[in-house]
């Protein structure tokens, strides 16, 4: 929920504040719905309880240093300072494209996924997980607390539940505890088979279109001797279909309707989550510009009063725009209000969320 704000450069305070304006998709803990921003709030709570400056300070003190994870960091600069680091790649069915490292995503999400790490470091963390909270004879976390993080909180399917940062899969021959991660140019998956005392770590320098998850789950299925399923082939089919569906979504209709005069759409707009924004006409083209973050979306005519919205590669958004690929980020539709005037701007993204801006 509201993850789009982070991708458009809004800071931690704005992301947390935006949650008060989100309409719940269901009653509490009855339906699974994923969000990253709540982890930011949890990080603040943890930091305050520990009397620390921020979540990352607690992370280093409580986990990275005790586990000897000396090559793990939590900034883009941390990756670039490493003598041996990977370059990220954007995925498409036709192949991958190397893209620059982005300083915004995922680092704005803090505890939801800002850690850079390596196989060697993560192996230590997985050993602590499999060691019931101990590492090389040292107690890092109590068995009770560790077990609590794996206790299912809400069902996703008949076989899969969500716990606290973990997906819990019930398989024919045992439980798999796992979670993945993804940014525009990197992917990861970590899975555990606690009954077998085995963990699997998959890190890729390509956006997570499902390959790390498929490799991780396939490996754990083999370890548990579950029925053989070609998860990688299935995942590729799903990823390709998703890519084609998204491309078709933004393809121009064969006979687009004429839209309103661009000058009639220019003005100041506001949304409770995003704050103030402006529709500006530059050299005959419209753009939507966000006051708080400085992000700018080019609005290209699509069909009538509907425009595609594409992030402009300027300033600190150059890398993020390139990482995002050639497709637009979303659609903007200008709608009439109860007085039959074009005073409402609806910004919608591929995740299905939409935000209404009212003309000021």
Protein backbone atom coordinates (compact mmCIF):
# COMPACT_ATOMS: atom_id res chain seq x y z
CA UNK A 1 0.00 0.00 0.00
CA UNK A 2 1.27 3.44 -1.04
CA UNK A 3 4.61 1.98 -2.13
CA UNK A 4 4.47 4.23 -5.18
CA UNK A 5 5.35 7.23 -2.99
CA UNK A 6 8.73 5.71 -2.21
CA UNK A 7 9.41 5.07 -5.89
CA UNK A 8 8.70 8.75 -6.56
CA UNK A 9 11.23 9.95 -4.01
CA UNK A 10 9.04 10.75 -1.00
CA UNK A 11 10.93 10.46 2.28
CA UNK A 12 10.32 8.19 5.27
CA UNK A 13 8.18 10.72 7.14
CA UNK A 14 5.91 11.22 4.13
CA UNK A 15 5.56 7.48 3.60
CA UNK A 16 4.53 6.86 7.19
CA UNK A 17 2.17 9.84 7.19
CA UNK A 18 0.49 8.54 4.03
CA UNK A 19 -0.79 5.43 5.82
CA UNK A 20 -3.47 7.40 7.61
CA UNK A 21 -5.12 8.03 4.24
CA UNK A 22 -5.12 4.42 3.00
CA UNK A 23 -8.48 2.70 2.74
CA UNK A 24 -8.18 -0.83 4.26
CA UNK A 25 -8.76 -3.60 1.75
CA UNK A 26 -10.42 -5.72 4.42
CA UNK A 27 -10.99 -5.98 8.15
CA UNK A 28 -7.93 -6.53 10.34
CA UNK A 29 -6.03 -9.79 9.65
CA UNK A 30 -8.77 -11.34 7.53
CA UNK A 31 -7.15 -10.94 4.09
CA UNK A 32 -3.50 -10.93 3.08
CA UNK A 33 -2.32 -7.59 1.68
CA UNK A 34 1.36 -6.74 1.46
CA UNK A 35 2.89 -3.39 2.34
CA UNK A 36 6.40 -2.11 2.95
CA UNK A 37 5.69 1.16 4.73
CA UNK A 38 4.54 -0.46 7.97
CA UNK A 39 8.08 -1.83 8.35
CA UNK A 40 9.34 1.76 8.43
CA UNK A 41 7.03 2.46 11.33
CA UNK A 42 8.12 -0.74 13.09
CA UNK A 43 11.74 0.32 12.60
CA UNK A 44 11.08 3.61 14.34
CA UNK A 45 9.43 1.81 17.24
CA UNK A 46 12.40 -0.55 17.59
CA UNK A 47 14.89 2.34 17.44
CA UNK A 48 13.02 4.27 20.12
CA UNK A 49 12.81 1.21 22.39
CA UNK A 50 16.56 0.68 21.96
CA UNK A 51 17.32 4.38 22.44
CA UNK A 52 19.09 4.33 19.07
CA UNK A 53 19.28 6.96 16.34
CA UNK A 54 17.46 4.83 13.78
CA UNK A 55 16.63 1.30 12.70
CA UNK A 56 19.93 0.74 10.92
CA UNK A 57 21.84 1.49 14.12
CA UNK A 58 19.87 -1.27 15.87
CA UNK A 59 20.40 -3.58 12.92
CA UNK A 60 24.17 -3.17 13.12
CA UNK A 61 24.34 -3.46 16.91
CA UNK A 62 21.95 -6.39 17.35
CA UNK A 63 22.58 -8.47 14.22
CA UNK A 64 25.33 -7.44 11.82
CA UNK A 65 28.11 -7.04 14.38
CA UNK A 66 27.28 -10.07 16.59
CA UNK A 67 27.03 -12.26 13.50
CA UNK A 68 30.20 -10.88 11.93
CA UNK A 69 28.35 -9.65 8.84
CA UNK A 70 31.12 -7.21 8.02
CA UNK A 71 30.26 -6.80 4.34
CA UNK A 72 26.59 -5.89 4.87
CA UNK A 73 25.53 -2.24 4.51
CA UNK A 74 22.31 -0.26 4.02
CA UNK A 75 23.01 2.54 1.52
CA UNK A 76 23.75 2.76 -2.18
CA UNK A 77 27.13 4.22 -1.24
CA UNK A 78 27.77 1.05 0.75
CA UNK A 79 27.52 -1.05 -2.42
CA UNK A 80 29.69 1.29 -4.46
CA UNK A 81 32.37 1.33 -1.76
CA UNK A 82 32.76 -2.44 -2.00
CA UNK A 83 35.67 -3.57 -4.15
CA UNK A 84 33.67 -6.57 -5.38
CA UNK A 85 30.06 -5.70 -6.11
CA UNK A 86 27.57 -6.58 -8.81
CA UNK A 87 25.84 -4.28 -11.27
CA UNK A 88 22.06 -4.53 -11.51
CA UNK A 89 20.05 -5.51 -14.56
CA UNK A 90 16.51 -4.85 -15.77
CA UNK A 91 14.65 -7.94 -17.03
CA UNK A 92 12.50 -8.44 -20.10
CA UNK A 93 11.52 -11.66 -21.92
CA UNK A 94 14.01 -10.73 -24.66
CA UNK A 95 16.93 -10.45 -22.21
CA UNK A 96 18.47 -8.24 -19.56
CA UNK A 97 19.90 -4.72 -19.64
CA UNK A 98 22.48 -3.36 -17.22
CA UNK A 99 21.18 -0.33 -15.35
CA UNK A 100 22.73 2.17 -12.93
CA UNK A 101 22.48 1.80 -9.17
CA UNK A 102 19.57 3.77 -7.74
CA UNK A 103 19.99 5.66 -4.45
CA UNK A 104 16.24 5.92 -3.76
CA UNK A 105 14.83 2.42 -4.05
CA UNK A 106 14.94 0.33 -1.85
CA UNK A 107 16.81 2.48 0.68
CA UNK A 108 13.86 4.78 1.39
CA UNK A 109 12.04 1.71 2.76
CA UNK A 110 14.50 1.16 5.62
CA UNK A 111 13.77 -2.05 7.49
CA UNK A 112 11.55 -3.30 4.68
CA UNK A 113 14.59 -4.09 2.56
CA UNK A 114 17.52 -1.66 2.59
CA UNK A 115 20.25 -4.23 3.37
CA UNK A 116 23.05 -4.94 0.89
CA UNK A 117 24.70 -8.25 1.64
CA UNK A 118 26.60 -11.24 0.28
CA UNK A 119 26.28 -15.01 0.32
CA UNK A 120 29.00 -15.24 2.97
CA UNK A 121 27.27 -12.77 5.31
CA UNK A 122 23.78 -14.15 4.78
CA UNK A 123 25.07 -17.65 5.45
CA UNK A 124 25.81 -16.48 9.00
CA UNK A 125 22.29 -15.13 9.42
CA UNK A 126 20.78 -18.36 8.11
CA UNK A 127 22.94 -20.41 10.49
CA UNK A 128 21.56 -18.32 13.36
CA UNK A 129 18.01 -19.02 12.13
CA UNK A 130 18.68 -22.76 11.91
CA UNK A 131 20.53 -22.66 15.24
CA UNK A 132 17.37 -21.67 17.08
CA UNK A 133 18.73 -18.19 17.73
CA UNK A 134 22.37 -19.05 18.46
CA UNK A 135 25.49 -18.51 16.35
CA UNK A 136 28.83 -20.15 17.10
CA UNK A 137 27.80 -20.68 20.71
CA UNK A 138 26.47 -17.14 21.24
CA UNK A 139 22.80 -16.43 21.93
CA UNK A 140 21.55 -13.75 19.48
CA UNK A 141 17.80 -14.09 19.97
CA UNK A 142 15.68 -16.22 22.28
CA UNK A 143 14.08 -19.38 20.86
CA UNK A 144 10.66 -18.04 21.87
CA UNK A 145 11.12 -14.77 19.98
CA UNK A 146 12.46 -16.54 16.92
CA UNK A 147 9.56 -19.00 16.91
CA UNK A 148 7.10 -16.12 17.18
CA UNK A 149 8.38 -14.62 13.91
CA UNK A 150 7.42 -17.85 12.13
CA UNK A 151 3.95 -18.16 13.61
CA UNK A 152 1.34 -17.71 10.82
CA UNK A 153 -0.75 -14.57 11.19
CA UNK A 154 -2.93 -14.61 8.07
CA UNK A 155 -3.66 -17.21 5.39
CA UNK A 156 -2.78 -16.53 1.77
CA UNK A 157 -3.88 -19.89 0.36
CA UNK A 158 -4.71 -23.28 1.88
CA UNK A 159 -0.99 -24.09 1.96
CA UNK A 160 0.68 -20.68 2.38
CA UNK A 161 0.47 -18.23 5.29
CA UNK A 162 2.22 -15.01 6.19
CA UNK A 163 3.97 -14.70 9.54
CA UNK A 164 6.27 -11.83 10.61
CA UNK A 165 8.44 -11.25 7.57
CA UNK A 166 8.22 -14.89 6.53
CA UNK A 167 6.08 -16.88 4.12
CA UNK A 168 5.17 -20.28 5.59
CA UNK A 169 4.59 -23.04 3.01
CA UNK A 170 3.04 -26.34 4.09
CA UNK A 171 4.37 -28.97 1.67
CA UNK A 172 3.74 -32.75 1.50
CA UNK A 173 7.01 -33.51 3.31
CA UNK A 174 7.63 -30.57 5.59
CA UNK A 175 7.43 -26.83 6.17
CA UNK A 176 9.30 -24.25 4.11
CA UNK A 177 9.95 -20.84 5.67
CA UNK A 178 10.96 -18.26 3.09
CA UNK A 179 10.84 -14.72 1.80
CA UNK A 180 12.05 -12.94 -1.29
CA UNK A 181 13.18 -9.45 -2.15
CA UNK A 182 13.30 -7.35 -5.27
CA UNK A 183 14.29 -3.94 -6.56
CA UNK A 184 14.30 -2.68 -10.15
CA UNK A 185 17.69 -4.37 -10.72
CA UNK A 186 18.38 -7.00 -8.02
CA UNK A 187 16.55 -10.03 -6.64
CA UNK A 188 16.92 -12.34 -3.66
CA UNK A 189 15.33 -15.32 -1.97
CA UNK A 190 16.08 -17.00 1.35
CA UNK A 191 14.35 -20.20 2.39
CA UNK A 192 14.62 -22.61 5.31
CA UNK A 193 13.64 -26.24 5.80
CA UNK A 194 13.85 -26.25 9.62
CA UNK A 195 13.15 -29.98 9.99
CA UNK A 196 16.13 -30.73 7.73
CA UNK A 197 18.33 -27.99 9.24
CA UNK A 198 18.97 -26.61 5.76
CA UNK A 199 18.80 -23.11 4.32
CA UNK A 200 18.98 -21.89 0.73
CA UNK A 201 20.17 -18.41 -0.31
CA UNK A 202 19.72 -17.10 -3.85
CA UNK A 203 21.07 -13.67 -4.85
CA UNK A 204 20.81 -12.29 -8.39
CA UNK A 205 21.95 -9.09 -10.05
CA UNK A 206 18.76 -8.92 -12.06
CA UNK A 207 15.32 -7.65 -11.07
CA UNK A 208 13.22 -10.31 -9.40
CA UNK A 209 10.86 -11.57 -12.05
CA UNK A 210 10.54 -14.78 -10.04
CA UNK A 211 13.78 -16.64 -10.78
CA UNK A 212 15.34 -16.40 -7.27
CA UNK A 213 12.09 -17.59 -5.69
CA UNK A 214 11.76 -20.46 -8.15
CA UNK A 215 15.33 -21.65 -7.62
CA UNK A 216 14.96 -21.42 -3.84
CA UNK A 217 11.66 -23.26 -3.66
CA UNK A 218 12.76 -25.90 -6.19
CA UNK A 219 15.91 -26.56 -4.14
CA UNK A 220 13.95 -26.94 -0.91
CA UNK A 221 11.44 -29.23 -2.63
CA UNK A 222 14.34 -31.49 -3.65
CA UNK A 223 15.74 -31.45 -0.12
CA UNK A 224 12.32 -32.44 1.27
CA UNK A 225 11.78 -35.00 -1.50
CA UNK A 226 8.53 -33.37 -2.55
CA UNK A 227 6.92 -34.22 -5.91
CA UNK A 228 8.98 -32.87 -8.79
CA UNK A 229 7.58 -29.71 -10.36
CA UNK A 230 9.43 -27.52 -12.86
CA UNK A 231 8.93 -24.31 -10.86
CA UNK A 232 11.45 -22.39 -12.97
CA UNK A 233 9.56 -23.10 -16.21
CA UNK A 234 6.26 -22.19 -14.57
CA UNK A 235 7.71 -18.97 -13.20
CA UNK A 236 9.14 -17.93 -16.57
CA UNK A 237 5.73 -18.47 -18.16
CA UNK A 238 4.05 -16.32 -15.51
CA UNK A 239 6.70 -13.58 -15.71
CA UNK A 240 6.47 -13.43 -19.52
CA UNK A 241 2.68 -13.27 -19.40
CA UNK A 242 2.82 -10.51 -16.79
CA UNK A 243 5.25 -8.50 -18.91
CA UNK A 244 3.07 -8.88 -22.00
CA UNK A 245 -0.07 -7.93 -20.06
CA UNK A 246 1.59 -4.77 -18.75
CA UNK A 247 2.84 -3.84 -22.22
CA UNK A 248 -0.66 -4.35 -23.62
CA UNK A 249 -2.13 -2.18 -20.87
CA UNK A 250 -0.18 0.84 -22.07
CA UNK A 251 -0.47 0.14 -25.80
CA UNK A 252 -2.43 2.94 -27.49
CA UNK A 253 -5.95 2.00 -28.57
CA UNK A 254 -6.48 1.69 -32.35
CA UNK A 255 -8.86 4.66 -32.51
CA UNK A 256 -8.11 6.99 -29.57
CA UNK A 257 -10.61 9.67 -28.70
CA UNK A 258 -9.63 13.31 -28.82
CA UNK A 259 -8.73 14.70 -25.43
CA UNK A 260 -9.41 18.02 -23.75
CA UNK A 261 -7.29 21.04 -24.58
CA UNK A 262 -4.02 20.72 -22.63
CA UNK A 263 -4.31 24.26 -21.31
CA UNK A 264 -7.59 23.37 -19.60
CA UNK A 265 -5.78 20.74 -17.48
CA UNK A 266 -2.96 22.96 -16.26
CA UNK A 267 -3.18 23.93 -12.59
CA UNK A 268 -2.50 23.02 -8.98
CA UNK A 269 -3.82 19.77 -7.52
CA UNK A 270 -3.60 18.08 -4.11
CA UNK A 271 -3.91 14.58 -2.67
CA UNK A 272 -3.86 13.65 1.03
CA UNK A 273 -1.01 11.15 0.59
CA UNK A 274 1.10 12.90 -2.04
CA UNK A 275 0.47 16.49 -1.00
CA UNK A 276 0.58 19.22 -3.63
CA UNK A 277 1.23 18.59 -7.30
CA UNK A 278 1.02 20.68 -10.43
CA UNK A 279 0.10 19.93 -14.02
CA UNK A 280 2.46 22.02 -16.12
CA UNK A 281 2.69 22.54 -19.87
CA UNK A 282 6.25 22.53 -21.22
CA UNK A 283 6.90 22.93 -24.95
CA UNK A 284 3.41 21.70 -25.71
CA UNK A 285 3.65 18.61 -23.49
CA UNK A 286 2.01 18.11 -20.10
CA UNK A 287 3.77 16.89 -16.97
CA UNK A 288 2.68 16.13 -13.41
CA UNK A 289 5.16 17.51 -10.88
CA UNK A 290 5.21 16.66 -7.16
CA UNK A 291 6.13 19.51 -4.86
CA UNK A 292 7.51 17.46 -1.95
CA UNK A 293 9.77 15.04 -3.81
CA UNK A 294 10.61 16.89 -7.01
CA UNK A 295 9.60 13.92 -9.17
CA UNK A 296 8.10 14.71 -12.55
CA UNK A 297 5.90 12.47 -14.73
CA UNK A 298 5.54 13.17 -18.45
CA UNK A 299 1.89 12.88 -19.50
CA UNK A 300 1.43 11.53 -23.02
CA UNK A 301 -2.04 11.43 -24.65
CA UNK A 302 -3.43 7.91 -24.63
CA UNK A 303 -7.21 7.96 -25.05
CA UNK A 304 -9.43 10.96 -24.50
CA UNK A 305 -8.82 12.40 -21.04
CA UNK A 306 -6.47 9.53 -20.15
CA UNK A 307 -2.69 9.97 -20.37
CA UNK A 308 0.23 7.63 -19.77
CA UNK A 309 2.60 8.74 -16.98
CA UNK A 310 6.37 8.18 -17.30
CA UNK A 311 9.02 9.23 -14.79
CA UNK A 312 11.33 11.94 -16.17
CA UNK A 313 15.06 11.06 -15.82
CA UNK A 314 16.20 14.22 -14.11
CA UNK A 315 18.28 14.93 -11.00
CA UNK A 316 18.19 12.09 -8.48
CA UNK A 317 15.61 10.25 -10.60
CA UNK A 318 17.91 9.48 -13.54
CA UNK A 319 18.83 5.98 -12.36
CA UNK A 320 15.33 5.11 -11.16
CA UNK A 321 13.80 6.14 -14.49
CA UNK A 322 16.28 3.99 -16.42
CA UNK A 323 15.80 1.08 -14.02
CA UNK A 324 12.04 1.27 -14.54
CA UNK A 325 12.34 0.51 -18.24
CA UNK A 326 10.58 1.86 -21.32
CA UNK A 327 6.99 1.35 -20.15
CA UNK A 328 5.07 4.09 -18.32
CA UNK A 329 4.67 3.87 -14.54
CA UNK A 330 0.93 4.42 -14.67
CA UNK A 331 -2.03 6.28 -16.09
CA UNK A 332 -3.52 9.68 -15.36
CA UNK A 333 -7.19 10.30 -16.02
CA UNK A 334 -8.81 13.73 -15.77
CA UNK A 335 -12.36 13.44 -14.48
CA UNK A 336 -15.22 15.83 -14.02
CA UNK A 337 -16.48 16.75 -10.57
CA UNK A 338 -20.10 17.21 -9.48
CA UNK A 339 -20.11 20.57 -11.23
CA UNK A 340 -19.12 18.92 -14.51
CA UNK A 341 -15.66 20.51 -14.51
CA UNK A 342 -12.34 18.74 -15.10
CA UNK A 343 -11.17 19.22 -11.54
CA UNK A 344 -10.21 15.67 -10.57
CA UNK A 345 -6.96 13.93 -11.56
CA UNK A 346 -6.76 10.18 -10.93
CA UNK A 347 -3.24 8.71 -10.86
CA UNK A 348 -3.20 4.90 -11.04
CA UNK A 349 -0.32 2.45 -10.99
CA UNK A 350 0.24 -1.12 -12.13
CA UNK A 351 -0.32 -2.45 -8.61
CA UNK A 352 -3.96 -1.43 -8.84
CA UNK A 353 -3.81 1.50 -6.44
CA UNK A 354 -5.27 4.82 -7.53
CA UNK A 355 -5.02 8.29 -6.04
CA UNK A 356 -7.43 11.17 -6.62
CA UNK A 357 -6.03 14.70 -6.78
CA UNK A 358 -8.43 17.63 -6.58
CA UNK A 359 -7.80 20.92 -8.31
CA UNK A 360 -7.09 23.75 -5.89
